[in-house]
Amino acid sequence: MATVGCDSVGRRALLGDTNLSEAIVTVEDEKLFTEEPEIELAAWLVDDGSTVAEGQPIAQVMTAKVTVEVPAPAAGRLRIECQPGQLLRRGGRLGVIISE
């Protein structure tokens, strides 16, 4: 399986001249990566295009020992960029939440 990486890590960026901003959905939990350099996206808990609330569980990631929920870093519309079964490094990009 391919590993998904990301240069943007959990930040908001202004998109052009609009009032939209985006929050990158990443996995940053250092505890998950202490023994394993990669984790797997197990499942999405919401559909692509869904409106989510900040802090709402939106995905599950797993290691050989544990499955953990990933909360939404902001409120808005979710755009999924990673599919279940893909491997992620710390900071790997799962998707984007676009807010107005």
N, C-alpha and C. Protein backbone atom coordinates (compact mmCIF):
# COMPACT_ATOMS: atom_id res chain seq x y z
N MET A 1 0.83 -1.18 0.00
CA MET A 1 0.00 0.00 0.00
C MET A 1 0.87 1.24 0.00
N ALA A 2 0.40 2.27 -0.64
CA ALA A 2 1.14 3.52 -0.70
C ALA A 2 0.92 4.32 0.57
N THR A 3 1.96 5.04 0.97
CA THR A 3 1.86 5.92 2.12
C THR A 3 1.47 7.31 1.66
N VAL A 4 0.54 7.91 2.35
CA VAL A 4 0.07 9.25 2.01
C VAL A 4 0.82 10.26 2.87
N GLY A 5 1.37 11.29 2.27
CA GLY A 5 2.08 12.32 3.02
C GLY A 5 1.40 13.65 2.82
N CYS A 6 1.85 14.65 3.57
CA CYS A 6 1.25 15.98 3.47
C CYS A 6 2.23 17.03 3.90
N ASP A 7 2.29 18.11 3.15
CA ASP A 7 3.14 19.24 3.52
C ASP A 7 2.40 20.18 4.47
N SER A 8 1.09 20.27 4.34
CA SER A 8 0.27 21.13 5.19
C SER A 8 -0.16 20.34 6.41
N VAL A 9 0.04 20.90 7.59
CA VAL A 9 -0.29 20.16 8.80
C VAL A 9 -1.21 20.97 9.69
N GLY A 10 -2.50 20.56 9.75
CA GLY A 10 -3.46 21.11 10.69
C GLY A 10 -3.54 22.63 10.75
N ARG A 11 -3.55 23.32 9.63
CA ARG A 11 -3.61 24.76 9.66
C ARG A 11 -4.74 25.26 8.78
N ARG A 12 -5.14 26.52 8.97
CA ARG A 12 -6.14 27.14 8.12
C ARG A 12 -5.43 28.04 7.13
N ALA A 13 -5.92 28.08 5.93
CA ALA A 13 -5.33 28.94 4.90
C ALA A 13 -6.44 29.69 4.19
N LEU A 14 -6.24 30.96 3.92
CA LEU A 14 -7.20 31.74 3.18
C LEU A 14 -7.17 31.31 1.73
N LEU A 15 -8.34 31.10 1.12
CA LEU A 15 -8.44 30.65 -0.26
C LEU A 15 -8.77 31.83 -1.17
N GLY A 16 -7.78 32.40 -1.81
CA GLY A 16 -8.00 33.50 -2.74
C GLY A 16 -8.63 34.70 -2.08
N ASP A 17 -9.54 35.36 -2.80
CA ASP A 17 -10.20 36.56 -2.30
C ASP A 17 -11.56 36.27 -1.71
N THR A 18 -11.87 35.02 -1.44
CA THR A 18 -13.18 34.66 -0.90
C THR A 18 -13.15 34.67 0.62
N ASN A 19 -14.28 34.41 1.22
CA ASN A 19 -14.36 34.31 2.68
C ASN A 19 -14.23 32.87 3.15
N LEU A 20 -13.79 31.99 2.27
CA LEU A 20 -13.64 30.59 2.63
C LEU A 20 -12.27 30.34 3.23
N SER A 21 -12.20 29.40 4.14
CA SER A 21 -10.92 28.95 4.66
C SER A 21 -10.98 27.44 4.71
N GLU A 22 -9.81 26.82 4.82
CA GLU A 22 -9.78 25.36 4.88
C GLU A 22 -8.97 24.92 6.08
N ALA A 23 -9.39 23.81 6.66
CA ALA A 23 -8.67 23.17 7.74
C ALA A 23 -8.25 21.81 7.24
N ILE A 24 -6.97 21.53 7.27
CA ILE A 24 -6.45 20.25 6.81
C ILE A 24 -6.70 19.20 7.89
N VAL A 25 -7.29 18.07 7.50
CA VAL A 25 -7.54 16.97 8.44
C VAL A 25 -6.31 16.08 8.42
N THR A 26 -5.61 16.01 9.56
CA THR A 26 -4.39 15.22 9.66
C THR A 26 -4.43 14.35 10.91
N VAL A 27 -3.46 13.48 11.03
CA VAL A 27 -3.28 12.66 12.22
C VAL A 27 -1.98 13.10 12.87
N GLU A 28 -2.07 13.69 14.06
CA GLU A 28 -0.90 14.25 14.73
C GLU A 28 -0.56 13.57 16.06
N ASP A 29 -1.38 12.68 16.53
CA ASP A 29 -1.21 12.09 17.86
C ASP A 29 0.13 11.36 17.97
N GLU A 30 1.06 11.95 18.73
CA GLU A 30 2.41 11.38 18.85
C GLU A 30 2.38 9.98 19.46
N LYS A 31 1.42 9.70 20.33
CA LYS A 31 1.35 8.38 20.96
C LYS A 31 1.16 7.26 19.93
N LEU A 32 0.43 7.57 18.84
CA LEU A 32 0.19 6.56 17.81
C LEU A 32 1.45 6.22 17.03
N PHE A 33 2.38 7.17 16.97
CA PHE A 33 3.55 6.99 16.12
C PHE A 33 4.82 6.66 16.89
N THR A 34 4.72 6.42 18.20
CA THR A 34 5.93 6.13 18.97
C THR A 34 6.53 4.78 18.62
N GLU A 35 5.68 3.80 18.34
CA GLU A 35 6.18 2.46 18.02
C GLU A 35 6.06 2.12 16.55
N GLU A 36 5.18 2.80 15.84
CA GLU A 36 4.96 2.51 14.43
C GLU A 36 5.08 3.79 13.61
N PRO A 37 5.85 3.77 12.53
CA PRO A 37 6.01 4.98 11.72
C PRO A 37 4.79 5.30 10.87
N GLU A 38 3.91 4.33 10.68
CA GLU A 38 2.73 4.52 9.83
C GLU A 38 1.51 3.92 10.51
N ILE A 39 0.36 4.51 10.19
CA ILE A 39 -0.91 3.97 10.66
C ILE A 39 -1.84 3.86 9.46
N GLU A 40 -2.92 3.13 9.62
CA GLU A 40 -3.86 2.90 8.52
C GLU A 40 -5.17 3.65 8.75
N LEU A 41 -5.70 4.25 7.69
CA LEU A 41 -7.04 4.83 7.76
C LEU A 41 -8.01 3.66 7.74
N ALA A 42 -8.74 3.46 8.84
CA ALA A 42 -9.65 2.31 8.95
C ALA A 42 -11.00 2.60 8.31
N ALA A 43 -11.56 3.79 8.58
CA ALA A 43 -12.90 4.10 8.07
C ALA A 43 -13.20 5.58 8.20
N TRP A 44 -14.08 6.03 7.35
CA TRP A 44 -14.67 7.36 7.49
C TRP A 44 -15.97 7.20 8.24
N LEU A 45 -16.26 8.08 9.18
CA LEU A 45 -17.49 8.02 9.95
C LEU A 45 -18.57 8.94 9.36
N VAL A 46 -18.18 9.77 8.40
CA VAL A 46 -19.10 10.66 7.69
C VAL A 46 -18.78 10.56 6.19
N ASP A 47 -19.73 10.95 5.37
CA ASP A 47 -19.56 10.88 3.92
C ASP A 47 -18.86 12.12 3.37
N ASP A 48 -18.23 11.95 2.22
CA ASP A 48 -17.62 13.06 1.50
C ASP A 48 -18.70 14.11 1.21
N GLY A 49 -18.39 15.38 1.46
CA GLY A 49 -19.35 16.45 1.23
C GLY A 49 -20.26 16.75 2.41
N SER A 50 -20.15 15.95 3.47
CA SER A 50 -20.98 16.17 4.66
C SER A 50 -20.55 17.42 5.41
N THR A 51 -21.51 18.04 6.07
CA THR A 51 -21.21 19.15 6.96
C THR A 51 -20.89 18.57 8.33
N VAL A 52 -19.76 19.01 8.90
CA VAL A 52 -19.30 18.48 10.19
C VAL A 52 -19.10 19.62 11.18
N ALA A 53 -19.19 19.28 12.46
CA ALA A 53 -18.94 20.23 13.54
C ALA A 53 -17.51 20.08 14.04
N GLU A 54 -16.94 21.16 14.52
CA GLU A 54 -15.59 21.09 15.09
C GLU A 54 -15.59 20.10 16.25
N GLY A 55 -14.63 19.20 16.27
CA GLY A 55 -14.52 18.19 17.32
C GLY A 55 -15.30 16.92 17.07
N GLN A 56 -16.17 16.92 16.08
CA GLN A 56 -16.96 15.73 15.75
C GLN A 56 -16.05 14.63 15.23
N PRO A 57 -16.19 13.38 15.71
CA PRO A 57 -15.41 12.28 15.14
C PRO A 57 -15.78 12.08 13.67
N ILE A 58 -14.78 12.10 12.79
CA ILE A 58 -15.06 11.97 11.36
C ILE A 58 -14.38 10.78 10.71
N ALA A 59 -13.36 10.22 11.36
CA ALA A 59 -12.64 9.07 10.79
C ALA A 59 -12.06 8.22 11.91
N GLN A 60 -11.67 7.00 11.54
CA GLN A 60 -10.96 6.12 12.47
C GLN A 60 -9.65 5.71 11.82
N VAL A 61 -8.58 5.76 12.61
CA VAL A 61 -7.28 5.26 12.17
C VAL A 61 -6.87 4.15 13.12
N MET A 62 -6.03 3.23 12.63
CA MET A 62 -5.66 2.12 13.49
C MET A 62 -4.19 1.76 13.34
N THR A 63 -3.67 1.24 14.45
CA THR A 63 -2.34 0.64 14.48
C THR A 63 -2.57 -0.84 14.76
N ALA A 64 -1.50 -1.56 14.95
CA ALA A 64 -1.62 -2.99 15.29
C ALA A 64 -2.28 -3.18 16.65
N LYS A 65 -2.24 -2.12 17.50
CA LYS A 65 -2.72 -2.26 18.87
C LYS A 65 -4.02 -1.52 19.19
N VAL A 66 -4.34 -0.47 18.44
CA VAL A 66 -5.45 0.39 18.84
C VAL A 66 -6.11 1.05 17.63
N THR A 67 -7.42 1.34 17.77
CA THR A 67 -8.15 2.12 16.79
C THR A 67 -8.57 3.41 17.47
N VAL A 68 -8.35 4.56 16.80
CA VAL A 68 -8.58 5.87 17.38
C VAL A 68 -9.43 6.71 16.44
N GLU A 69 -10.35 7.49 17.01
CA GLU A 69 -11.15 8.40 16.20
C GLU A 69 -10.39 9.70 15.96
N VAL A 70 -10.58 10.26 14.77
CA VAL A 70 -9.97 11.53 14.39
C VAL A 70 -11.07 12.59 14.41
N PRO A 71 -10.91 13.65 15.22
CA PRO A 71 -11.93 14.70 15.28
C PRO A 71 -11.74 15.72 14.16
N ALA A 72 -12.83 16.37 13.80
CA ALA A 72 -12.76 17.46 12.82
C ALA A 72 -12.04 18.64 13.46
N PRO A 73 -11.03 19.21 12.77
CA PRO A 73 -10.31 20.34 13.34
C PRO A 73 -11.08 21.66 13.24
N ALA A 74 -12.17 21.66 12.48
CA ALA A 74 -12.99 22.86 12.29
C ALA A 74 -14.37 22.44 11.80
N ALA A 75 -15.31 23.37 11.83
CA ALA A 75 -16.64 23.12 11.29
C ALA A 75 -16.64 23.46 9.80
N GLY A 76 -17.42 22.73 9.02
CA GLY A 76 -17.53 23.02 7.59
C GLY A 76 -17.88 21.78 6.79
N ARG A 77 -17.59 21.83 5.49
CA ARG A 77 -17.89 20.72 4.58
C ARG A 77 -16.62 19.90 4.36
N LEU A 78 -16.73 18.58 4.57
CA LEU A 78 -15.59 17.67 4.45
C LEU A 78 -15.35 17.25 3.01
N ARG A 79 -14.10 17.36 2.57
CA ARG A 79 -13.67 16.82 1.28
C ARG A 79 -12.64 15.73 1.57
N ILE A 80 -13.02 14.48 1.32
CA ILE A 80 -12.17 13.32 1.60
C ILE A 80 -11.09 13.19 0.53
N GLU A 81 -9.85 12.97 0.97
CA GLU A 81 -8.72 12.82 0.04
C GLU A 81 -7.98 11.50 0.22
N CYS A 82 -8.33 10.72 1.20
CA CYS A 82 -7.65 9.47 1.50
C CYS A 82 -8.71 8.39 1.70
N GLN A 83 -8.44 7.21 1.23
CA GLN A 83 -9.43 6.13 1.30
C GLN A 83 -9.04 5.10 2.36
N PRO A 84 -10.03 4.43 2.96
CA PRO A 84 -9.73 3.38 3.94
C PRO A 84 -8.76 2.36 3.36
N GLY A 85 -7.83 1.94 4.21
CA GLY A 85 -6.81 0.99 3.80
C GLY A 85 -5.48 1.65 3.46
N GLN A 86 -5.50 2.96 3.22
CA GLN A 86 -4.25 3.66 2.92
C GLN A 86 -3.44 3.88 4.19
N LEU A 87 -2.12 3.86 4.05
CA LEU A 87 -1.22 4.08 5.18
C LEU A 87 -0.85 5.55 5.25
N LEU A 88 -0.67 6.04 6.48
CA LEU A 88 -0.36 7.44 6.73
C LEU A 88 0.85 7.58 7.62
N ARG A 89 1.66 8.59 7.35
CA ARG A 89 2.73 9.00 8.26
C ARG A 89 2.15 10.10 9.16
N ARG A 90 2.87 10.43 10.23
CA ARG A 90 2.43 11.52 11.10
C ARG A 90 2.26 12.78 10.26
N GLY A 91 1.13 13.43 10.43
CA GLY A 91 0.84 14.63 9.65
C GLY A 91 0.23 14.34 8.29
N GLY A 92 0.03 13.05 7.98
CA GLY A 92 -0.54 12.68 6.68
C GLY A 92 -1.91 13.27 6.49
N ARG A 93 -2.17 13.73 5.29
CA ARG A 93 -3.41 14.43 4.96
C ARG A 93 -4.53 13.45 4.64
N LEU A 94 -5.61 13.51 5.41
CA LEU A 94 -6.79 12.68 5.19
C LEU A 94 -7.80 13.39 4.32
N GLY A 95 -7.92 14.68 4.49
CA GLY A 95 -8.90 15.46 3.75
C GLY A 95 -8.83 16.92 4.15
N VAL A 96 -9.84 17.67 3.72
CA VAL A 96 -9.92 19.10 3.98
C VAL A 96 -11.34 19.43 4.42
N ILE A 97 -11.46 20.33 5.38
CA ILE A 97 -12.76 20.85 5.77
C ILE A 97 -12.82 22.30 5.31
N ILE A 98 -13.79 22.62 4.48
CA ILE A 98 -13.93 23.96 3.94
C ILE A 98 -15.04 24.66 4.71
N SER A 99 -14.71 25.81 5.28
CA SER A 99 -15.70 26.57 6.04
C SER A 99 -15.92 27.93 5.41
N GLU A 100 -17.06 28.51 5.71
CA GLU A 100 -17.39 29.84 5.16
C GLU A 100 -17.41 30.87 6.27
